Amino acid sequence: MTATHEPNAAPTSFNLLIRGGTVIDPEAGPPYQADVGVKGGRIAAVGPHLPGDADEIVDAHSAYVVPGLVDFHVHVYWGATIWGLEADKIGAAGGATAFLDTGSAGAITLAGLRRYVIEPSRTRIRALVNICTAGLITTLGELRDPRYLDIDGTVRAIDANRDIAPGVKIRYSENIVGAGAQARAALDAAVEAADQAGVWLMVHIGYTPEPIPDILKRLRPGDVVTHSYTPLAGGLVDMSAGQMLPAVIAARDAGIEFDIGHGKSSFGWHTAQAALDSGFPPDYISSDLHRGCVHGPAFSLPNVMTKFWLLGMPLEEIVARCTIAPARKLGLDAGTLRVGAEADIAVLAIDEGPVTLVDCTGAERTWDRELRAAHTFRAGVRLDPSILGPSEELPVELSSQPMTRDADA
């Protein structure tokens, strides 16, 4: 079912009315100008010049009205890991109403993530379970000691949390898992846990301990490779040829999916341009926001989206990869402005440039615009950073921790 472009038996009064924006709803076809009316936490009507009044009216002329962003790669286990951010605050600031935490918690720490982060949060959060039983606590390699591998515990944790845990995560970099047989055993364990649990696996790459083709042939349809445009060694692009490795093309044909996960070290202009020029767009565009990159170079999901816009990807395709695509992967009724859907909405303003956009190598590009989340609504209720209160700073700075060459999670 798609959202209508005409008023749909609009009520005379809304709780929220967003007027005059350019609506980008991947389920509804090309962008179009319309009003969006919300009542009782759900989309009540979408169409031009909706009649009636509202408790709150937002003027969205010169802005884009999109489904609430679904950030497919973040770290929000605040207070328990060195990486964690506060989900509602980065959601309010960045237009995101749903998140996938990618492996901050392992089998023995998932219950805490659920009780103290997921359940109290206004944003919707799903969580991949790290094959390391303790998850991500510090910046040190969590699987350098293979005794932390926990297949049975991972499966039990997923079985007990099917509503929030859609998959398994492994960071597959040499500084994290070691090398040789030890590294291969770690990936085998992650695949086995995902198999037993009947879920998909996300594999973090960059400085991988074995060649990319050898990794890809062990993955299954529906598994996800993250940091797909990393400029680090062990990536997916053959930079000497300026194109994707043939094994990567074959993997996509076999059903493997590819996520961005910008982060602190996992997005490069030249890598991204080579991938897009090769006809290899990502399946998901995500920020990998954590404490090491929220103040740059990733900043926010709209900032990451702007970089893809600069690189020539149509904005409606970018929005789809930040809304409906991850929502479907996570089994969320989200990523759409369909009448009757929960009113998760982001109003994205365009800040006119020149603006300087930076990749993870420090390379800069200047453009004439940048997307910014002007308003974020979850189930029709505004997410406002000022209402949520000041951010609480952890007593230990990420920069004070021992850092590896691969500084992402």
Foldseek 3Di string as FASTA:
>chain_A
DAADQAWDPADQEAQEKEAFAFEQFPRHDDTDTWMWGHHQQATATIYHPDHHYHNYYHYQHQWYKFFQFEFEEAAAPPPQAQWHDQVLQQSQFFSHQEYEYEFQAALVCVVVCCPPHQVVDRRHYAYAHEQQRGTHHAQAQSACPVVRGDLPSRLVSCVVPVLRYQAYEDEAACRRQNADPSSVVSLVSRQNSCVVNVHAYEYEWANGRDAPLVSLVPHAAPHEYELQLFPHPRHQAPVVVLAGDPSVVVSVVRRYFYENQQPQGRHDPSSVLSHVVRVHDHLAYHQHRTLRDCVDQSVYSQLSLVSVVVSPDDSSVNLCRRWVSVCVSSVHQTSGNHGPGRRWMWIKHKDADQDWHAGNVRDIDTDGITITGPWTAGSRHTSHSVVVPDTDDDPDHSVVGDHDPDRGD
